[in-house]
Amino acid sequence: MGKFLPRHHIEISVVHRGLKREGVYGWCTVEDCDYRPRSFLIEIHNGLSFDDYLTTILHELWHVYQFVKGDLKDRKSKRYWKNSEISDVDYEDDPSEKEAHEMESILTFQYKLDKGVQM
């Protein structure tokens, strides 16, 4: 948070639970409001390996970044990316997901490099 959102007061709750039925590794949900959100819930599947956990948490944290910066918004049951509605866009075509997938790789590499984790 200090590197990407140093001037923002953000609250993030991380909950570990089984997400196998949902078929996902994680979710990011805004908890407070659609306008200038600052409170988030990240749910992470509780059966992930270290590498999958790291990648997933960084992916979901990037969604937090997108929401805080205003690139990703939820308004009246619709989702917007840079002011264009993307509610009906498939997951693999969703520009917010494409960016989060790109950043998860970059951030995972940087984290492992900084921590001296074997790659």
PDB file of N, CA and C in Angstrom:
ATOM      1  N   MET A   1       0.829  -1.178   0.000  1.00  0.00           N
ATOM      2  CA  MET A   1       0.000   0.000   0.000  1.00  0.00           C
ATOM      3  C   MET A   1       0.883   1.256   0.000  1.00  0.00           C
ATOM      4  N   GLY A   2       1.976   1.182   0.737  1.00  0.00           N
ATOM      5  CA  GLY A   2       2.866   2.328   0.810  1.00  0.00           C
ATOM      6  C   GLY A   2       3.471   2.700  -0.529  1.00  0.00           C
ATOM      7  N   LYS A   3       3.658   1.728  -1.394  1.00  0.00           N
ATOM      8  CA  LYS A   3       4.271   1.989  -2.692  1.00  0.00           C
ATOM      9  C   LYS A   3       3.259   2.534  -3.701  1.00  0.00           C
ATOM     10  N   PHE A   4       2.053   1.975  -3.727  1.00  0.00           N
ATOM     11  CA  PHE A   4       1.092   2.328  -4.772  1.00  0.00           C
ATOM     12  C   PHE A   4       0.010   3.319  -4.325  1.00  0.00           C
ATOM     13  N   LEU A   5      -0.332   3.301  -3.034  1.00  0.00           N
ATOM     14  CA  LEU A   5      -1.377   4.192  -2.528  1.00  0.00           C
ATOM     15  C   LEU A   5      -0.925   4.831  -1.211  1.00  0.00           C
ATOM     16  N   PRO A   6       0.184   5.565  -1.219  1.00  0.00           N
ATOM     17  CA  PRO A   6       0.769   6.045   0.037  1.00  0.00           C
ATOM     18  C   PRO A   6      -0.072   7.075   0.782  1.00  0.00           C
ATOM     19  N   ARG A   7      -0.915   7.819   0.096  1.00  0.00           N
ATOM     20  CA  ARG A   7      -1.672   8.893   0.742  1.00  0.00           C
ATOM     21  C   ARG A   7      -3.119   8.492   1.057  1.00  0.00           C
ATOM     22  N   HIS A   8      -3.436   7.231   0.889  1.00  0.00           N
ATOM     23  CA  HIS A   8      -4.811   6.779   1.110  1.00  0.00           C
ATOM     24  C   HIS A   8      -4.913   5.943   2.381  1.00  0.00           C
ATOM     25  N   HIS A   9      -5.985   6.157   3.118  1.00  0.00           N
ATOM     26  CA  HIS A   9      -6.275   5.304   4.271  1.00  0.00           C
ATOM     27  C   HIS A   9      -7.232   4.210   3.790  1.00  0.00           C
ATOM     28  N   ILE A  10      -6.719   3.004   3.707  1.00  0.00           N
ATOM     29  CA  ILE A  10      -7.481   1.877   3.162  1.00  0.00           C
ATOM     30  C   ILE A  10      -7.622   0.808   4.238  1.00  0.00           C
ATOM     31  N   GLU A  11      -8.812   0.234   4.337  1.00  0.00           N
ATOM     32  CA  GLU A  11      -9.036  -0.912   5.213  1.00  0.00           C
ATOM     33  C   GLU A  11      -9.288  -2.128   4.343  1.00  0.00           C
ATOM     34  N   ILE A  12      -8.536  -3.200   4.594  1.00  0.00           N
ATOM     35  CA  ILE A  12      -8.696  -4.435   3.830  1.00  0.00           C
ATOM     36  C   ILE A  12      -8.821  -5.589   4.818  1.00  0.00           C
ATOM     37  N   SER A  13      -9.926  -6.295   4.711  1.00  0.00           N
ATOM     38  CA  SER A  13     -10.117  -7.519   5.487  1.00  0.00           C
ATOM     39  C   SER A  13      -9.864  -8.687   4.546  1.00  0.00           C
ATOM     40  N   VAL A  14      -9.081  -9.657   5.024  1.00  0.00           N
ATOM     41  CA  VAL A  14      -8.808 -10.851   4.225  1.00  0.00           C
ATOM     42  C   VAL A  14      -9.421 -12.038   4.960  1.00  0.00           C
ATOM     43  N   VAL A  15     -10.286 -12.750   4.260  1.00  0.00           N
ATOM     44  CA  VAL A  15     -10.960 -13.920   4.815  1.00  0.00           C
ATOM     45  C   VAL A  15     -10.551 -15.137   3.997  1.00  0.00           C
ATOM     46  N   HIS A  16     -10.171 -16.188   4.696  1.00  0.00           N
ATOM     47  CA  HIS A  16      -9.800 -17.441   4.035  1.00  0.00           C
ATOM     48  C   HIS A  16     -10.962 -18.405   4.181  1.00  0.00           C
ATOM     49  N   ARG A  17     -11.454 -18.927   3.055  1.00  0.00           N
ATOM     50  CA  ARG A  17     -12.573 -19.867   3.094  1.00  0.00           C
ATOM     51  C   ARG A  17     -12.556 -20.716   1.834  1.00  0.00           C
ATOM     52  N   GLY A  18     -13.332 -21.773   1.870  1.00  0.00           N
ATOM     53  CA  GLY A  18     -13.421 -22.639   0.702  1.00  0.00           C
ATOM     54  C   GLY A  18     -14.174 -21.953  -0.425  1.00  0.00           C
ATOM     55  N   LEU A  19     -13.533 -21.837  -1.555  1.00  0.00           N
ATOM     56  CA  LEU A  19     -14.169 -21.222  -2.728  1.00  0.00           C
ATOM     57  C   LEU A  19     -14.240 -22.210  -3.891  1.00  0.00           C
ATOM     58  N   LYS A  20     -14.055 -23.493  -3.588  1.00  0.00           N
ATOM     59  CA  LYS A  20     -14.019 -24.504  -4.644  1.00  0.00           C
ATOM     60  C   LYS A  20     -15.322 -24.530  -5.454  1.00  0.00           C
ATOM     61  N   ARG A  21     -16.467 -24.457  -4.758  1.00  0.00           N
ATOM     62  CA  ARG A  21     -17.756 -24.476  -5.460  1.00  0.00           C
ATOM     63  C   ARG A  21     -17.922 -23.294  -6.400  1.00  0.00           C
ATOM     64  N   GLU A  22     -17.365 -22.156  -6.016  1.00  0.00           N
ATOM     65  CA  GLU A  22     -17.462 -20.967  -6.868  1.00  0.00           C
ATOM     66  C   GLU A  22     -16.492 -21.029  -8.036  1.00  0.00           C
ATOM     67  N   GLY A  23     -15.501 -21.924  -7.939  1.00  0.00           N
ATOM     68  CA  GLY A  23     -14.545 -22.098  -9.029  1.00  0.00           C
ATOM     69  C   GLY A  23     -13.557 -20.949  -9.168  1.00  0.00           C
ATOM     70  N   VAL A  24     -13.255 -20.276  -8.048  1.00  0.00           N
ATOM     71  CA  VAL A  24     -12.322 -19.150  -8.075  1.00  0.00           C
ATOM     72  C   VAL A  24     -11.294 -19.314  -6.970  1.00  0.00           C
ATOM     73  N   TYR A  25     -10.192 -18.588  -7.104  1.00  0.00           N
ATOM     74  CA  TYR A  25      -9.179 -18.546  -6.055  1.00  0.00           C
ATOM     75  C   TYR A  25      -9.415 -17.378  -5.109  1.00  0.00           C
ATOM     76  N   GLY A  26     -10.070 -16.320  -5.605  1.00  0.00           N
ATOM     77  CA  GLY A  26     -10.286 -15.166  -4.753  1.00  0.00           C
ATOM     78  C   GLY A  26     -11.277 -14.175  -5.329  1.00  0.00           C
ATOM     79  N   TRP A  27     -11.742 -13.281  -4.427  1.00  0.00           N
ATOM     80  CA  TRP A  27     -12.665 -12.199  -4.770  1.00  0.00           C
ATOM     81  C   TRP A  27     -12.177 -10.913  -4.113  1.00  0.00           C
ATOM     82  N   CYS A  28     -12.558  -9.808  -4.676  1.00  0.00           N
ATOM     83  CA  CYS A  28     -12.356  -8.507  -4.040  1.00  0.00           C
ATOM     84  C   CYS A  28     -13.696  -7.782  -4.086  1.00  0.00           C
ATOM     85  N   THR A  29     -14.163  -7.348  -2.917  1.00  0.00           N
ATOM     86  CA  THR A  29     -15.458  -6.687  -2.820  1.00  0.00           C
ATOM     87  C   THR A  29     -15.295  -5.358  -2.095  1.00  0.00           C
ATOM     88  N   VAL A  30     -15.947  -4.330  -2.615  1.00  0.00           N
ATOM     89  CA  VAL A  30     -15.998  -3.037  -1.932  1.00  0.00           C
ATOM     90  C   VAL A  30     -17.012  -3.168  -0.806  1.00  0.00           C
ATOM     91  N   GLU A  31     -16.613  -2.750   0.399  1.00  0.00           N
ATOM     92  CA  GLU A  31     -17.509  -2.890   1.543  1.00  0.00           C
ATOM     93  C   GLU A  31     -18.212  -1.603   1.958  1.00  0.00           C
ATOM     94  N   ASP A  32     -17.655  -0.441   1.613  1.00  0.00           N
ATOM     95  CA  ASP A  32     -18.254   0.769   2.153  1.00  0.00           C
ATOM     96  C   ASP A  32     -19.165   1.504   1.172  1.00  0.00           C
ATOM     97  N   CYS A  33     -18.666   1.997   0.072  1.00  0.00           N
ATOM     98  CA  CYS A  33     -19.484   2.796  -0.835  1.00  0.00           C
ATOM     99  C   CYS A  33     -18.909   2.720  -2.245  1.00  0.00           C
ATOM    100  N   ASP A  34     -19.733   3.073  -3.211  1.00  0.00           N
ATOM    101  CA  ASP A  34     -19.280   3.073  -4.601  1.00  0.00           C
ATOM    102  C   ASP A  34     -18.457   4.307  -4.939  1.00  0.00           C
ATOM    103  N   TYR A  35     -18.709   5.404  -4.242  1.00  0.00           N
ATOM    104  CA  TYR A  35     -17.980   6.643  -4.492  1.00  0.00           C
ATOM    105  C   TYR A  35     -16.794   6.715  -3.535  1.00  0.00           C
ATOM    106  N   ARG A  36     -15.600   6.743  -4.068  1.00  0.00           N
ATOM    107  CA  ARG A  36     -14.357   6.791  -3.289  1.00  0.00           C
ATOM    108  C   ARG A  36     -14.277   5.673  -2.251  1.00  0.00           C
ATOM    109  N   PRO A  37     -14.347   4.420  -2.680  1.00  0.00           N
ATOM    110  CA  PRO A  37     -14.303   3.308  -1.719  1.00  0.00           C
ATOM    111  C   PRO A  37     -12.961   3.241  -0.999  1.00  0.00           C
ATOM    112  N   ARG A  38     -13.027   2.881   0.288  1.00  0.00           N
ATOM    113  CA  ARG A  38     -11.810   2.772   1.102  1.00  0.00           C
ATOM    114  C   ARG A  38     -11.814   1.518   1.990  1.00  0.00           C
ATOM    115  N   SER A  39     -12.893   0.752   1.963  1.00  0.00           N
ATOM    116  CA  SER A  39     -12.982  -0.466   2.770  1.00  0.00           C
ATOM    117  C   SER A  39     -13.277  -1.642   1.841  1.00  0.00           C
ATOM    118  N   PHE A  40     -12.444  -2.683   1.947  1.00  0.00           N
ATOM    119  CA  PHE A  40     -12.527  -3.808   1.016  1.00  0.00           C
ATOM    120  C   PHE A  40     -12.486  -5.140   1.749  1.00  0.00           C
ATOM    121  N   LEU A  41     -13.127  -6.119   1.147  1.00  0.00           N
ATOM    122  CA  LEU A  41     -13.055  -7.500   1.619  1.00  0.00           C
ATOM    123  C   LEU A  41     -12.419  -8.328   0.515  1.00  0.00           C
ATOM    124  N   ILE A  42     -11.348  -9.020   0.861  1.00  0.00           N
ATOM    125  CA  ILE A  42     -10.726  -9.965  -0.065  1.00  0.00           C
ATOM    126  C   ILE A  42     -10.952 -11.354   0.514  1.00  0.00           C
ATOM    127  N   GLU A  43     -11.571 -12.222  -0.281  1.00  0.00           N
ATOM    128  CA  GLU A  43     -11.765 -13.609   0.114  1.00  0.00           C
ATOM    129  C   GLU A  43     -10.815 -14.462  -0.708  1.00  0.00           C
ATOM    130  N   ILE A  44     -10.075 -15.321  -0.020  1.00  0.00           N
ATOM    131  CA  ILE A  44      -9.063 -16.167  -0.662  1.00  0.00           C
ATOM    132  C   ILE A  44      -9.397 -17.622  -0.359  1.00  0.00           C
ATOM    133  N   HIS A  45      -9.295 -18.454  -1.375  1.00  0.00           N
ATOM    134  CA  HIS A  45      -9.519 -19.891  -1.186  1.00  0.00           C
ATOM    135  C   HIS A  45      -8.501 -20.435  -0.193  1.00  0.00           C
ATOM    136  N   ASN A  46      -8.972 -21.222   0.754  1.00  0.00           N
ATOM    137  CA  ASN A  46      -8.108 -21.668   1.849  1.00  0.00           C
ATOM    138  C   ASN A  46      -7.249 -22.883   1.529  1.00  0.00           C
ATOM    139  N   GLY A  47      -7.267 -23.378   0.302  1.00  0.00           N
ATOM    140  CA  GLY A  47      -6.469 -24.549  -0.024  1.00  0.00           C
ATOM    141  C   GLY A  47      -5.387 -24.294  -1.060  1.00  0.00           C
ATOM    142  N   LEU A  48      -4.896 -23.077  -1.141  1.00  0.00           N
ATOM    143  CA  LEU A  48      -3.927 -22.728  -2.183  1.00  0.00           C
ATOM    144  C   LEU A  48      -2.494 -23.004  -1.743  1.00  0.00           C
ATOM    145  N   SER A  49      -1.663 -23.322  -2.714  1.00  0.00           N
ATOM    146  CA  SER A  49      -0.223 -23.415  -2.467  1.00  0.00           C
ATOM    147  C   SER A  49       0.311 -22.004  -2.215  1.00  0.00           C
ATOM    148  N   PHE A  50       1.554 -21.906  -1.732  1.00  0.00           N
ATOM    149  CA  PHE A  50       2.158 -20.597  -1.499  1.00  0.00           C
ATOM    150  C   PHE A  50       2.150 -19.750  -2.763  1.00  0.00           C
ATOM    151  N   ASP A  51       2.577 -20.330  -3.888  1.00  0.00           N
ATOM    152  CA  ASP A  51       2.654 -19.565  -5.137  1.00  0.00           C
ATOM    153  C   ASP A  51       1.279 -19.096  -5.595  1.00  0.00           C
ATOM    154  N   ASP A  52       0.277 -19.984  -5.534  1.00  0.00           N
ATOM    155  CA  ASP A  52      -1.075 -19.591  -5.934  1.00  0.00           C
ATOM    156  C   ASP A  52      -1.653 -18.542  -4.991  1.00  0.00           C
ATOM    157  N   TYR A  53      -1.373 -18.701  -3.689  1.00  0.00           N
ATOM    158  CA  TYR A  53      -1.847 -17.718  -2.713  1.00  0.00           C
ATOM    159  C   TYR A  53      -1.232 -16.348  -2.995  1.00  0.00           C
ATOM    160  N   LEU A  54       0.068 -16.313  -3.185  1.00  0.00           N
ATOM    161  CA  LEU A  54       0.766 -15.055  -3.438  1.00  0.00           C
ATOM    162  C   LEU A  54       0.223 -14.375  -4.688  1.00  0.00           C
ATOM    163  N   THR A  55       0.098 -15.133  -5.753  1.00  0.00           N
ATOM    164  CA  THR A  55      -0.415 -14.581  -7.007  1.00  0.00           C
ATOM    165  C   THR A  55      -1.841 -14.065  -6.840  1.00  0.00           C
ATOM    166  N   THR A  56      -2.670 -14.839  -6.133  1.00  0.00           N
ATOM    167  CA  THR A  56      -4.070 -14.456  -5.953  1.00  0.00           C
ATOM    168  C   THR A  56      -4.213 -13.215  -5.090  1.00  0.00           C
ATOM    169  N   ILE A  57      -3.499 -13.151  -3.986  1.00  0.00           N
ATOM    170  CA  ILE A  57      -3.628 -11.976  -3.116  1.00  0.00           C
ATOM    171  C   ILE A  57      -3.132 -10.717  -3.830  1.00  0.00           C
ATOM    172  N   LEU A  58      -2.077 -10.831  -4.597  1.00  0.00           N
ATOM    173  CA  LEU A  58      -1.578  -9.669  -5.342  1.00  0.00           C
ATOM    174  C   LEU A  58      -2.556  -9.262  -6.446  1.00  0.00           C
ATOM    175  N   HIS A  59      -3.189 -10.243  -7.083  1.00  0.00           N
ATOM    176  CA  HIS A  59      -4.216  -9.970  -8.095  1.00  0.00           C
ATOM    177  C   HIS A  59      -5.375  -9.190  -7.461  1.00  0.00           C
ATOM    178  N   GLU A  60      -5.863  -9.686  -6.322  1.00  0.00           N
ATOM    179  CA  GLU A  60      -6.997  -9.031  -5.667  1.00  0.00           C
ATOM    180  C   GLU A  60      -6.611  -7.656  -5.116  1.00  0.00           C
ATOM    181  N   LEU A  61      -5.400  -7.522  -4.624  1.00  0.00           N
ATOM    182  CA  LEU A  61      -4.943  -6.209  -4.174  1.00  0.00           C
ATOM    183  C   LEU A  61      -4.853  -5.224  -5.331  1.00  0.00           C
ATOM    184  N   TRP A  62      -4.550  -5.716  -6.526  1.00  0.00           N
ATOM    185  CA  TRP A  62      -4.534  -4.817  -7.676  1.00  0.00           C
ATOM    186  C   TRP A  62      -5.946  -4.318  -7.979  1.00  0.00           C
ATOM    187  N   HIS A  63      -6.959  -5.171  -7.749  1.00  0.00           N
ATOM    188  CA  HIS A  63      -8.345  -4.693  -7.899  1.00  0.00           C
ATOM    189  C   HIS A  63      -8.645  -3.595  -6.881  1.00  0.00           C
ATOM    190  N   VAL A  64      -8.131  -3.722  -5.655  1.00  0.00           N
ATOM    191  CA  VAL A  64      -8.273  -2.646  -4.671  1.00  0.00           C
ATOM    192  C   VAL A  64      -7.696  -1.358  -5.256  1.00  0.00           C
ATOM    193  N   TYR A  65      -6.496  -1.448  -5.806  1.00  0.00           N
ATOM    194  CA  TYR A  65      -5.851  -0.290  -6.430  1.00  0.00           C
ATOM    195  C   TYR A  65      -6.740   0.310  -7.534  1.00  0.00           C
ATOM    196  N   GLN A  66      -7.303  -0.554  -8.381  1.00  0.00           N
ATOM    197  CA  GLN A  66      -8.161  -0.071  -9.468  1.00  0.00           C
ATOM    198  C   GLN A  66      -9.386   0.670  -8.931  1.00  0.00           C
ATOM    199  N   PHE A  67      -9.982   0.133  -7.877  1.00  0.00           N
ATOM    200  CA  PHE A  67     -11.142   0.790  -7.269  1.00  0.00           C
ATOM    201  C   PHE A  67     -10.754   2.137  -6.653  1.00  0.00           C
ATOM    202  N   VAL A  68      -9.666   2.161  -5.908  1.00  0.00           N
ATOM    203  CA  VAL A  68      -9.251   3.399  -5.236  1.00  0.00           C
ATOM    204  C   VAL A  68      -8.894   4.478  -6.260  1.00  0.00           C
ATOM    205  N   LYS A  69      -8.212   4.106  -7.324  1.00  0.00           N
ATOM    206  CA  LYS A  69      -7.839   5.072  -8.361  1.00  0.00           C
ATOM    207  C   LYS A  69      -9.035   5.517  -9.205  1.00  0.00           C
ATOM    208  N   GLY A  70     -10.145   4.789  -9.118  1.00  0.00           N
ATOM    209  CA  GLY A  70     -11.345   5.157  -9.869  1.00  0.00           C
ATOM    210  C   GLY A  70     -11.426   4.560 -11.253  1.00  0.00           C
ATOM    211  N   ASP A  71     -10.481   3.704 -11.621  1.00  0.00           N
ATOM    212  CA  ASP A  71     -10.549   3.044 -12.927  1.00  0.00           C
ATOM    213  C   ASP A  71     -11.658   1.995 -12.957  1.00  0.00           C
ATOM    214  N   LEU A  72     -11.864   1.303 -11.849  1.00  0.00           N
ATOM    215  CA  LEU A  72     -12.882   0.261 -11.726  1.00  0.00           C
ATOM    216  C   LEU A  72     -13.947   0.770 -10.767  1.00  0.00           C
ATOM    217  N   LYS A  73     -15.207   0.717 -11.211  1.00  0.00           N
ATOM    218  CA  LYS A  73     -16.308   1.225 -10.390  1.00  0.00           C
ATOM    219  C   LYS A  73     -17.510   0.300 -10.510  1.00  0.00           C
ATOM    220  N   ASP A  74     -18.234   0.185  -9.413  1.00  0.00           N
ATOM    221  CA  ASP A  74     -19.530  -0.477  -9.402  1.00  0.00           C
ATOM    222  C   ASP A  74     -20.559   0.587  -9.075  1.00  0.00           C
ATOM    223  N   ARG A  75     -21.546   0.736  -9.958  1.00  0.00           N
ATOM    224  CA  ARG A  75     -22.610   1.713  -9.738  1.00  0.00           C
ATOM    225  C   ARG A  75     -23.938   1.114 -10.154  1.00  0.00           C
ATOM    226  N   LYS A  76     -24.887   1.100  -9.212  1.00  0.00           N
ATOM    227  CA  LYS A  76     -26.245   0.622  -9.495  1.00  0.00           C
ATOM    228  C   LYS A  76     -26.241  -0.728 -10.186  1.00  0.00           C
ATOM    229  N   SER A  77     -25.541  -1.682  -9.601  1.00  0.00           N
ATOM    230  CA  SER A  77     -25.462  -3.068 -10.096  1.00  0.00           C
ATOM    231  C   SER A  77     -24.789  -3.191 -11.464  1.00  0.00           C
ATOM    232  N   LYS A  78     -24.031  -2.196 -11.840  1.00  0.00           N
ATOM    233  CA  LYS A  78     -23.282  -2.257 -13.099  1.00  0.00           C
ATOM    234  C   LYS A  78     -21.810  -2.000 -12.797  1.00  0.00           C
ATOM    235  N   ARG A  79     -20.955  -2.585 -13.615  1.00  0.00           N
ATOM    236  CA  ARG A  79     -19.507  -2.419 -13.447  1.00  0.00           C
ATOM    237  C   ARG A  79     -18.973  -1.574 -14.594  1.00  0.00           C
ATOM    238  N   TYR A  80     -18.036  -0.674 -14.232  1.00  0.00           N
ATOM    239  CA  TYR A  80     -17.439   0.235 -15.213  1.00  0.00           C
ATOM    240  C   TYR A  80     -15.923   0.156 -15.144  1.00  0.00           C
ATOM    241  N   TRP A  81     -15.292   0.231 -16.300  1.00  0.00           N
ATOM    242  CA  TRP A  81     -13.842   0.320 -16.411  1.00  0.00           C
ATOM    243  C   TRP A  81     -13.540   1.593 -17.174  1.00  0.00           C
ATOM    244  N   LYS A  82     -12.893   2.511 -16.496  1.00  0.00           N
ATOM    245  CA  LYS A  82     -12.539   3.807 -17.085  1.00  0.00           C
ATOM    246  C   LYS A  82     -13.759   4.433 -17.767  1.00  0.00           C
ATOM    247  N   ASN A  83     -14.874   4.425 -17.046  1.00  0.00           N
ATOM    248  CA  ASN A  83     -16.159   5.026 -17.429  1.00  0.00           C
ATOM    249  C   ASN A  83     -16.891   4.323 -18.561  1.00  0.00           C
ATOM    250  N   SER A  84     -16.439   3.147 -18.986  1.00  0.00           N
ATOM    251  CA  SER A  84     -17.182   2.352 -19.974  1.00  0.00           C
ATOM    252  C   SER A  84     -17.785   1.151 -19.268  1.00  0.00           C
ATOM    253  N   GLU A  85     -19.062   0.921 -19.509  1.00  0.00           N
ATOM    254  CA  GLU A  85     -19.722  -0.201 -18.853  1.00  0.00           C
ATOM    255  C   GLU A  85     -19.160  -1.528 -19.354  1.00  0.00           C
ATOM    256  N   ILE A  86     -18.841  -2.420 -18.415  1.00  0.00           N
ATOM    257  CA  ILE A  86     -18.283  -3.734 -18.759  1.00  0.00           C
ATOM    258  C   ILE A  86     -19.069  -4.854 -18.075  1.00  0.00           C
ATOM    259  N   SER A  87     -20.290  -4.563 -17.640  1.00  0.00           N
ATOM    260  CA  SER A  87     -21.092  -5.537 -16.890  1.00  0.00           C
ATOM    261  C   SER A  87     -21.289  -6.842 -17.642  1.00  0.00           C
ATOM    262  N   ASP A  88     -21.445  -6.774 -18.947  1.00  0.00           N
ATOM    263  CA  ASP A  88     -21.725  -7.967 -19.738  1.00  0.00           C
ATOM    264  C   ASP A  88     -20.496  -8.539 -20.439  1.00  0.00           C
ATOM    265  N   VAL A  89     -19.325  -8.038 -20.103  1.00  0.00           N
ATOM    266  CA  VAL A  89     -18.083  -8.506 -20.724  1.00  0.00           C
ATOM    267  C   VAL A  89     -17.653  -9.804 -20.053  1.00  0.00           C
ATOM    268  N   ASP A  90     -17.273 -10.802 -20.848  1.00  0.00           N
ATOM    269  CA  ASP A  90     -16.777 -12.067 -20.300  1.00  0.00           C
ATOM    270  C   ASP A  90     -15.499 -11.836 -19.513  1.00  0.00           C
ATOM    271  N   TYR A  91     -15.271 -12.690 -18.514  1.00  0.00           N
ATOM    272  CA  TYR A  91     -14.117 -12.564 -17.624  1.00  0.00           C
ATOM    273  C   TYR A  91     -12.816 -12.417 -18.411  1.00  0.00           C
ATOM    274  N   GLU A  92     -12.603 -13.273 -19.398  1.00  0.00           N
ATOM    275  CA  GLU A  92     -11.332 -13.249 -20.131  1.00  0.00           C
ATOM    276  C   GLU A  92     -11.169 -12.001 -21.010  1.00  0.00           C
ATOM    277  N   ASP A  93     -12.272 -11.281 -21.270  1.00  0.00           N
ATOM    278  CA  ASP A  93     -12.212 -10.051 -22.058  1.00  0.00           C
ATOM    279  C   ASP A  93     -12.295  -8.786 -21.200  1.00  0.00           C
ATOM    280  N   ASP A  94     -12.491  -8.960 -19.910  1.00  0.00           N
ATOM    281  CA  ASP A  94     -12.645  -7.838 -18.981  1.00  0.00           C
ATOM    282  C   ASP A  94     -11.304  -7.094 -18.859  1.00  0.00           C
ATOM    283  N   PRO A  95     -11.254  -5.814 -19.225  1.00  0.00           N
ATOM    284  CA  PRO A  95      -9.987  -5.086 -19.173  1.00  0.00           C
ATOM    285  C   PRO A  95      -9.420  -4.943 -17.757  1.00  0.00           C
ATOM    286  N   SER A  96     -10.276  -4.897 -16.750  1.00  0.00           N
ATOM    287  CA  SER A  96      -9.763  -4.819 -15.372  1.00  0.00           C
ATOM    288  C   SER A  96      -9.081  -6.123 -14.977  1.00  0.00           C
ATOM    289  N   GLU A  97      -9.598  -7.245 -15.458  1.00  0.00           N
ATOM    290  CA  GLU A  97      -8.980  -8.549 -15.191  1.00  0.00           C
ATOM    291  C   GLU A  97      -7.684  -8.715 -15.981  1.00  0.00           C
ATOM    292  N   LYS A  98      -7.699  -8.250 -17.214  1.00  0.00           N
ATOM    293  CA  LYS A  98      -6.470  -8.326 -18.017  1.00  0.00           C
ATOM    294  C   LYS A  98      -5.346  -7.565 -17.337  1.00  0.00           C
ATOM    295  N   GLU A  99      -5.658  -6.366 -16.848  1.00  0.00           N
ATOM    296  CA  GLU A  99      -4.638  -5.569 -16.172  1.00  0.00           C
ATOM    297  C   GLU A  99      -4.204  -6.251 -14.874  1.00  0.00           C
ATOM    298  N   ALA A 100      -5.152  -6.783 -14.102  1.00  0.00           N
ATOM    299  CA  ALA A 100      -4.821  -7.452 -12.835  1.00  0.00           C
ATOM    300  C   ALA A 100      -3.958  -8.690 -13.079  1.00  0.00           C
ATOM    301  N   HIS A 101      -4.237  -9.436 -14.140  1.00  0.00           N
ATOM    302  CA  HIS A 101      -3.405 -10.607 -14.466  1.00  0.00           C
ATOM    303  C   HIS A 101      -1.989 -10.182 -14.858  1.00  0.00           C
ATOM    304  N   GLU A 102      -1.888  -9.120 -15.618  1.00  0.00           N
ATOM    305  CA  GLU A 102      -0.570  -8.618 -16.001  1.00  0.00           C
ATOM    306  C   GLU A 102       0.206  -8.161 -14.760  1.00  0.00           C
ATOM    307  N   MET A 103      -0.470  -7.434 -13.882  1.00  0.00           N
ATOM    308  CA  MET A 103       0.192  -6.905 -12.693  1.00  0.00           C
ATOM    309  C   MET A 103       0.510  -7.992 -11.675  1.00  0.00           C
ATOM    310  N   GLU A 104      -0.312  -9.032 -11.589  1.00  0.00           N
ATOM    311  CA  GLU A 104      -0.014 -10.106 -10.629  1.00  0.00           C
ATOM    312  C   GLU A 104       1.322 -10.755 -10.954  1.00  0.00           C
ATOM    313  N   SER A 105       1.608 -10.914 -12.229  1.00  0.00           N
ATOM    314  CA  SER A 105       2.890 -11.493 -12.638  1.00  0.00           C
ATOM    315  C   SER A 105       4.046 -10.579 -12.273  1.00  0.00           C
ATOM    316  N   ILE A 106       3.906  -9.310 -12.567  1.00  0.00           N
ATOM    317  CA  ILE A 106       4.949  -8.335 -12.261  1.00  0.00           C
ATOM    318  C   ILE A 106       5.173  -8.238 -10.755  1.00  0.00           C
ATOM    319  N   LEU A 107       4.079  -8.132 -10.002  1.00  0.00           N
ATOM    320  CA  LEU A 107       4.181  -7.982  -8.547  1.00  0.00           C
ATOM    321  C   LEU A 107       4.702  -9.246  -7.873  1.00  0.00           C
ATOM    322  N   THR A 108       4.299 -10.420  -8.376  1.00  0.00           N
ATOM    323  CA  THR A 108       4.797 -11.678  -7.818  1.00  0.00           C
ATOM    324  C   THR A 108       6.301 -11.786  -8.026  1.00  0.00           C
ATOM    325  N   PHE A 109       6.755 -11.476  -9.221  1.00  0.00           N
ATOM    326  CA  PHE A 109       8.182 -11.505  -9.521  1.00  0.00           C
ATOM    327  C   PHE A 109       8.938 -10.543  -8.600  1.00  0.00           C
ATOM    328  N   GLN A 110       8.424  -9.314  -8.466  1.00  0.00           N
ATOM    329  CA  GLN A 110       9.087  -8.309  -7.637  1.00  0.00           C
ATOM    330  C   GLN A 110       9.103  -8.733  -6.174  1.00  0.00           C
ATOM    331  N   TYR A 111       8.006  -9.286  -5.681  1.00  0.00           N
ATOM    332  CA  TYR A 111       7.941  -9.746  -4.278  1.00  0.00           C
ATOM    333  C   TYR A 111       8.980 -10.832  -4.032  1.00  0.00           C
ATOM    334  N   LYS A 112       9.022 -11.820  -4.912  1.00  0.00           N
ATOM    335  CA  LYS A 112       9.976 -12.918  -4.737  1.00  0.00           C
ATOM    336  C   LYS A 112      11.414 -12.418  -4.832  1.00  0.00           C
ATOM    337  N   LEU A 113      11.669 -11.490  -5.722  1.00  0.00           N
ATOM    338  CA  LEU A 113      13.008 -10.910  -5.852  1.00  0.00           C
ATOM    339  C   LEU A 113      13.385 -10.158  -4.569  1.00  0.00           C
ATOM    340  N   ASP A 114      12.470  -9.342  -4.071  1.00  0.00           N
ATOM    341  CA  ASP A 114      12.733  -8.564  -2.858  1.00  0.00           C
ATOM    342  C   ASP A 114      12.936  -9.453  -1.627  1.00  0.00           C
ATOM    343  N   LYS A 115      12.197 -10.550  -1.549  1.00  0.00           N
ATOM    344  CA  LYS A 115      12.256 -11.444  -0.381  1.00  0.00           C
ATOM    345  C   LYS A 115      13.279 -12.566  -0.530  1.00  0.00           C
ATOM    346  N   GLY A 116      13.906 -12.668  -1.687  1.00  0.00           N
ATOM    347  CA  GLY A 116      14.883 -13.723  -1.923  1.00  0.00           C
ATOM    348  C   GLY A 116      14.254 -15.100  -2.005  1.00  0.00           C
ATOM    349  N   VAL A 117      12.994 -15.152  -2.459  1.00  0.00           N
ATOM    350  CA  VAL A 117      12.282 -16.417  -2.596  1.00  0.00           C
ATOM    351  C   VAL A 117      12.738 -17.104  -3.875  1.00  0.00           C
ATOM    352  N   GLN A 118      12.974 -18.396  -3.772  1.00  0.00           N
ATOM    353  CA  GLN A 118      13.397 -19.199  -4.924  1.00  0.00           C
ATOM    354  C   GLN A 118      12.346 -19.136  -6.027  1.00  0.00           C
ATOM    355  N   MET A 119      12.773 -18.865  -7.271  1.00  0.00           N
ATOM    356  CA  MET A 119      11.832 -18.789  -8.392  1.00  0.00           C
ATOM    357  C   MET A 119      11.937 -20.007  -9.272  1.00  0.00           C
TER     358      MET A 119
END
